[in-house]
Amino acid sequence: RYPQLRPFQKKYALFATAVDLLSTLDFLNDYHRQEIMFRTNASKEPLAPDLAWRRMKLITREIKQTIIPKAEELIANGDNKDKSHEEFCELLLQKMYEENNESDKPHPPM
């Protein structure tokens, strides 16, 4: 059904899904849930569906350009086949931290 939606309907569907997902995150209080959906932190205006769509497109592009290539490198390394999702993510974070900081220290806790 999603592919048949018109562009404005897709934008609203993304927005509604984001709001629904935020409501399921028990570790966030009500203010933090609202804050995520602010247009800007300074204005505290509600985020419009079309701006949410543009942000999603930008983030998708950044992930494809920065995270996916590094993850594919680690996947290509046969030593990482038996790692759990958590271990793989930790390895990926460490690799990216070392590349950005030119340091072999462990990355700071998240």
N, C-alpha and C. Protein backbone atom coordinates (compact mmCIF):
# COMPACT_ATOMS: atom_id res chain seq x y z
N ARG A 1 0.80 -1.19 0.00
CA ARG A 1 0.00 0.00 0.00
C ARG A 1 0.85 1.26 0.00
N TYR A 2 1.98 1.26 0.68
CA TYR A 2 2.83 2.45 0.77
C TYR A 2 3.26 2.96 -0.61
N PRO A 3 3.69 2.10 -1.54
CA PRO A 3 4.12 2.62 -2.85
C PRO A 3 3.01 3.36 -3.61
N GLN A 4 1.76 3.04 -3.34
CA GLN A 4 0.66 3.70 -4.05
C GLN A 4 0.31 5.07 -3.46
N LEU A 5 0.87 5.41 -2.31
CA LEU A 5 0.54 6.69 -1.69
C LEU A 5 1.13 7.85 -2.49
N ARG A 6 0.45 8.96 -2.46
CA ARG A 6 0.96 10.18 -3.06
C ARG A 6 2.05 10.76 -2.18
N PRO A 7 2.91 11.63 -2.73
CA PRO A 7 4.02 12.17 -1.92
C PRO A 7 3.58 12.80 -0.60
N PHE A 8 2.53 13.60 -0.61
CA PHE A 8 2.11 14.23 0.65
C PHE A 8 1.61 13.19 1.65
N GLN A 9 1.04 12.09 1.14
CA GLN A 9 0.57 11.02 2.01
C GLN A 9 1.74 10.27 2.62
N LYS A 10 2.80 10.07 1.83
CA LYS A 10 4.00 9.41 2.35
C LYS A 10 4.64 10.23 3.46
N LYS A 11 4.67 11.55 3.26
CA LYS A 11 5.26 12.43 4.26
C LYS A 11 4.47 12.35 5.56
N TYR A 12 3.17 12.37 5.46
CA TYR A 12 2.34 12.29 6.66
C TYR A 12 2.47 10.91 7.32
N ALA A 13 2.55 9.86 6.50
CA ALA A 13 2.70 8.51 7.05
C ALA A 13 4.01 8.39 7.82
N LEU A 14 5.10 8.96 7.27
CA LEU A 14 6.39 8.96 7.97
C LEU A 14 6.28 9.70 9.29
N PHE A 15 5.66 10.86 9.26
CA PHE A 15 5.49 11.67 10.45
C PHE A 15 4.69 10.92 11.52
N ALA A 16 3.56 10.35 11.11
CA ALA A 16 2.71 9.62 12.05
C ALA A 16 3.43 8.41 12.63
N THR A 17 4.21 7.73 11.80
CA THR A 17 4.97 6.56 12.27
C THR A 17 6.02 6.99 13.29
N ALA A 18 6.70 8.11 13.02
CA ALA A 18 7.71 8.61 13.96
C ALA A 18 7.07 8.94 15.30
N VAL A 19 5.95 9.60 15.28
CA VAL A 19 5.25 9.94 16.52
C VAL A 19 4.84 8.66 17.26
N ASP A 20 4.32 7.69 16.53
CA ASP A 20 3.93 6.42 17.16
C ASP A 20 5.13 5.69 17.76
N LEU A 21 6.24 5.68 17.04
CA LEU A 21 7.44 5.02 17.56
C LEU A 21 7.94 5.71 18.82
N LEU A 22 7.94 7.04 18.81
CA LEU A 22 8.38 7.77 19.99
C LEU A 22 7.54 7.44 21.22
N SER A 23 6.26 7.22 21.01
CA SER A 23 5.40 6.91 22.15
C SER A 23 5.71 5.55 22.77
N THR A 24 6.41 4.69 22.05
CA THR A 24 6.75 3.36 22.57
C THR A 24 8.09 3.35 23.30
N LEU A 25 8.85 4.43 23.22
CA LEU A 25 10.17 4.46 23.86
C LEU A 25 10.02 4.84 25.32
N ASP A 26 10.04 3.83 26.17
CA ASP A 26 9.80 4.03 27.60
C ASP A 26 10.90 4.81 28.30
N PHE A 27 12.09 4.84 27.74
CA PHE A 27 13.19 5.51 28.42
C PHE A 27 13.16 7.03 28.21
N LEU A 28 12.24 7.52 27.35
CA LEU A 28 12.09 8.96 27.14
C LEU A 28 10.91 9.48 27.96
N ASN A 29 11.11 10.65 28.56
CA ASN A 29 9.97 11.27 29.23
C ASN A 29 9.17 12.07 28.19
N ASP A 30 8.04 12.60 28.60
CA ASP A 30 7.15 13.29 27.66
C ASP A 30 7.84 14.47 26.99
N TYR A 31 8.62 15.23 27.76
CA TYR A 31 9.29 16.39 27.18
C TYR A 31 10.28 15.97 26.09
N HIS A 32 11.05 14.93 26.34
CA HIS A 32 12.03 14.47 25.34
C HIS A 32 11.34 13.96 24.08
N ARG A 33 10.21 13.33 24.24
CA ARG A 33 9.44 12.89 23.06
C ARG A 33 9.02 14.09 22.23
N GLN A 34 8.56 15.13 22.89
CA GLN A 34 8.17 16.35 22.18
C GLN A 34 9.38 17.03 21.56
N GLU A 35 10.48 17.07 22.29
CA GLU A 35 11.69 17.76 21.85
C GLU A 35 12.22 17.17 20.55
N ILE A 36 12.14 15.86 20.40
CA ILE A 36 12.62 15.21 19.18
C ILE A 36 11.83 15.70 17.98
N MET A 37 10.58 16.03 18.18
CA MET A 37 9.72 16.46 17.08
C MET A 37 9.63 17.98 16.95
N PHE A 38 10.54 18.74 17.61
CA PHE A 38 10.59 20.19 17.43
C PHE A 38 11.23 20.50 16.09
N ARG A 39 10.77 21.58 15.46
CA ARG A 39 11.39 22.05 14.21
C ARG A 39 12.83 22.45 14.50
N THR A 40 13.02 23.29 15.51
CA THR A 40 14.35 23.61 16.02
C THR A 40 14.25 23.65 17.53
N ASN A 41 15.36 23.48 18.19
CA ASN A 41 15.36 23.53 19.65
C ASN A 41 15.04 24.92 20.15
N ALA A 42 15.50 25.95 19.41
CA ALA A 42 15.28 27.32 19.86
C ALA A 42 13.82 27.73 19.74
N SER A 43 13.20 27.39 18.62
CA SER A 43 11.82 27.84 18.40
C SER A 43 10.80 26.96 19.12
N LYS A 44 11.12 25.71 19.30
CA LYS A 44 10.22 24.73 19.91
C LYS A 44 8.89 24.60 19.14
N GLU A 45 8.91 24.98 17.87
CA GLU A 45 7.73 24.81 17.03
C GLU A 45 7.61 23.34 16.66
N PRO A 46 6.38 22.85 16.48
CA PRO A 46 6.23 21.44 16.07
C PRO A 46 6.83 21.21 14.67
N LEU A 47 7.40 20.06 14.50
CA LEU A 47 8.00 19.68 13.22
C LEU A 47 6.90 19.37 12.22
N ALA A 48 7.01 19.95 11.03
CA ALA A 48 6.02 19.69 9.97
C ALA A 48 6.37 18.39 9.25
N PRO A 49 5.38 17.67 8.73
CA PRO A 49 5.65 16.41 8.03
C PRO A 49 6.61 16.55 6.86
N ASP A 50 6.55 17.67 6.10
CA ASP A 50 7.47 17.81 4.96
C ASP A 50 8.91 18.00 5.42
N LEU A 51 9.12 18.69 6.55
CA LEU A 51 10.47 18.84 7.09
C LEU A 51 10.98 17.51 7.64
N ALA A 52 10.11 16.74 8.26
CA ALA A 52 10.50 15.41 8.74
C ALA A 52 10.95 14.54 7.57
N TRP A 53 10.24 14.67 6.44
CA TRP A 53 10.58 13.91 5.23
C TRP A 53 11.97 14.32 4.73
N ARG A 54 12.24 15.61 4.67
CA ARG A 54 13.56 16.08 4.19
C ARG A 54 14.67 15.61 5.12
N ARG A 55 14.42 15.67 6.41
CA ARG A 55 15.44 15.20 7.36
C ARG A 55 15.70 13.71 7.19
N MET A 56 14.62 12.94 6.98
CA MET A 56 14.77 11.50 6.77
C MET A 56 15.62 11.23 5.53
N LYS A 57 15.37 11.97 4.45
CA LYS A 57 16.14 11.78 3.21
C LYS A 57 17.60 12.13 3.43
N LEU A 58 17.87 13.21 4.14
CA LEU A 58 19.25 13.63 4.43
C LEU A 58 19.97 12.59 5.28
N ILE A 59 19.31 12.11 6.32
CA ILE A 59 19.93 11.12 7.20
C ILE A 59 20.18 9.81 6.44
N THR A 60 19.23 9.41 5.60
CA THR A 60 19.41 8.20 4.79
C THR A 60 20.64 8.32 3.91
N ARG A 61 20.79 9.46 3.27
CA ARG A 61 21.94 9.68 2.39
C ARG A 61 23.25 9.65 3.20
N GLU A 62 23.27 10.29 4.36
CA GLU A 62 24.47 10.29 5.19
C GLU A 62 24.83 8.89 5.66
N ILE A 63 23.84 8.10 6.03
CA ILE A 63 24.10 6.72 6.46
C ILE A 63 24.69 5.91 5.32
N LYS A 64 24.13 6.07 4.12
CA LYS A 64 24.64 5.33 2.96
C LYS A 64 26.07 5.72 2.62
N GLN A 65 26.43 6.97 2.87
CA GLN A 65 27.77 7.43 2.51
C GLN A 65 28.81 7.18 3.60
N THR A 66 28.39 7.14 4.86
CA THR A 66 29.38 7.04 5.93
C THR A 66 29.38 5.70 6.66
N ILE A 67 28.22 5.22 7.06
CA ILE A 67 28.16 4.03 7.91
C ILE A 67 28.16 2.73 7.11
N ILE A 68 27.36 2.67 6.06
CA ILE A 68 27.23 1.43 5.28
C ILE A 68 28.57 0.96 4.70
N PRO A 69 29.38 1.84 4.08
CA PRO A 69 30.66 1.34 3.56
C PRO A 69 31.56 0.74 4.63
N LYS A 70 31.59 1.37 5.81
CA LYS A 70 32.43 0.84 6.89
C LYS A 70 31.88 -0.49 7.42
N ALA A 71 30.56 -0.60 7.49
CA ALA A 71 29.96 -1.85 7.93
C ALA A 71 30.23 -2.96 6.92
N GLU A 72 30.15 -2.62 5.64
CA GLU A 72 30.43 -3.63 4.61
C GLU A 72 31.87 -4.11 4.67
N GLU A 73 32.80 -3.20 4.99
CA GLU A 73 34.21 -3.61 5.17
C GLU A 73 34.33 -4.64 6.29
N LEU A 74 33.66 -4.35 7.40
CA LEU A 74 33.73 -5.28 8.53
C LEU A 74 33.05 -6.61 8.21
N ILE A 75 31.96 -6.56 7.45
CA ILE A 75 31.27 -7.79 7.07
C ILE A 75 32.15 -8.63 6.15
N ALA A 76 32.87 -7.95 5.24
CA ALA A 76 33.74 -8.66 4.30
C ALA A 76 34.86 -9.39 5.03
N ASN A 77 35.24 -8.88 6.20
CA ASN A 77 36.27 -9.54 7.01
C ASN A 77 35.64 -10.78 7.64
N GLY A 78 36.12 -11.93 7.30
CA GLY A 78 35.55 -13.19 7.76
C GLY A 78 35.60 -13.38 9.27
N ASP A 79 36.42 -12.61 9.97
CA ASP A 79 36.54 -12.77 11.42
C ASP A 79 35.29 -12.32 12.16
N ASN A 80 34.42 -11.57 11.50
CA ASN A 80 33.27 -10.98 12.18
C ASN A 80 31.96 -11.72 11.95
N LYS A 81 32.02 -12.88 11.33
CA LYS A 81 30.80 -13.64 11.02
C LYS A 81 30.05 -14.10 12.25
N ASP A 82 30.76 -14.47 13.29
CA ASP A 82 30.13 -15.05 14.48
C ASP A 82 29.76 -14.01 15.54
N LYS A 83 29.96 -12.74 15.23
CA LYS A 83 29.67 -11.69 16.21
C LYS A 83 28.17 -11.42 16.28
N SER A 84 27.71 -11.10 17.48
CA SER A 84 26.31 -10.72 17.65
C SER A 84 26.11 -9.31 17.09
N HIS A 85 24.87 -8.89 17.00
CA HIS A 85 24.56 -7.54 16.51
C HIS A 85 25.23 -6.50 17.40
N GLU A 86 25.12 -6.68 18.72
CA GLU A 86 25.73 -5.74 19.67
C GLU A 86 27.25 -5.68 19.49
N GLU A 87 27.88 -6.84 19.37
CA GLU A 87 29.33 -6.88 19.20
C GLU A 87 29.74 -6.21 17.89
N PHE A 88 28.97 -6.46 16.83
CA PHE A 88 29.29 -5.87 15.54
C PHE A 88 29.16 -4.34 15.60
N CYS A 89 28.09 -3.85 16.22
CA CYS A 89 27.90 -2.40 16.35
C CYS A 89 29.03 -1.78 17.17
N GLU A 90 29.42 -2.46 18.23
CA GLU A 90 30.53 -1.98 19.06
C GLU A 90 31.83 -1.91 18.25
N LEU A 91 32.07 -2.93 17.45
CA LEU A 91 33.25 -2.96 16.58
C LEU A 91 33.21 -1.82 15.56
N LEU A 92 32.04 -1.59 14.99
CA LEU A 92 31.87 -0.52 14.01
C LEU A 92 32.10 0.85 14.66
N LEU A 93 31.53 1.07 15.84
CA LEU A 93 31.74 2.33 16.55
C LEU A 93 33.22 2.55 16.85
N GLN A 94 33.89 1.49 17.29
CA GLN A 94 35.31 1.60 17.61
C GLN A 94 36.11 1.95 16.37
N LYS A 95 35.81 1.30 15.25
CA LYS A 95 36.52 1.56 13.99
C LYS A 95 36.33 3.01 13.56
N MET A 96 35.10 3.49 13.63
CA MET A 96 34.84 4.87 13.22
C MET A 96 35.49 5.87 14.18
N TYR A 97 35.50 5.55 15.47
CA TYR A 97 36.15 6.41 16.47
C TYR A 97 37.64 6.50 16.20
N GLU A 98 38.26 5.36 15.93
CA GLU A 98 39.70 5.36 15.67
C GLU A 98 40.04 6.15 14.41
N GLU A 99 39.21 6.03 13.36
CA GLU A 99 39.47 6.76 12.13
C GLU A 99 39.33 8.27 12.32
N ASN A 100 38.36 8.68 13.09
CA ASN A 100 38.12 10.12 13.28
C ASN A 100 39.07 10.76 14.28
N ASN A 101 39.56 9.99 15.23
CA ASN A 101 40.40 10.56 16.28
C ASN A 101 41.85 10.13 16.21
N GLU A 102 42.16 9.28 15.26
CA GLU A 102 43.52 8.76 15.12
C GLU A 102 44.03 8.26 16.46
N SER A 103 43.19 7.49 17.12
CA SER A 103 43.51 6.95 18.43
C SER A 103 43.04 5.52 18.49
N ASP A 104 43.78 4.69 19.23
CA ASP A 104 43.34 3.31 19.39
C ASP A 104 42.71 3.08 20.76
N LYS A 105 42.40 4.18 21.46
CA LYS A 105 41.71 4.07 22.75
C LYS A 105 40.28 3.63 22.50
N PRO A 106 39.65 3.02 23.49
CA PRO A 106 38.23 2.66 23.33
C PRO A 106 37.36 3.91 23.20
N HIS A 107 36.33 3.81 22.41
CA HIS A 107 35.45 4.98 22.25
C HIS A 107 34.73 5.25 23.55
N PRO A 108 34.34 6.52 23.76
CA PRO A 108 33.63 6.86 25.00
C PRO A 108 32.29 6.11 25.08
N PRO A 109 31.84 5.85 26.29
CA PRO A 109 30.55 5.15 26.42
C PRO A 109 29.41 5.98 25.84
N MET A 110 28.41 5.27 25.32
CA MET A 110 27.28 5.97 24.70
C MET A 110 26.26 6.32 25.74
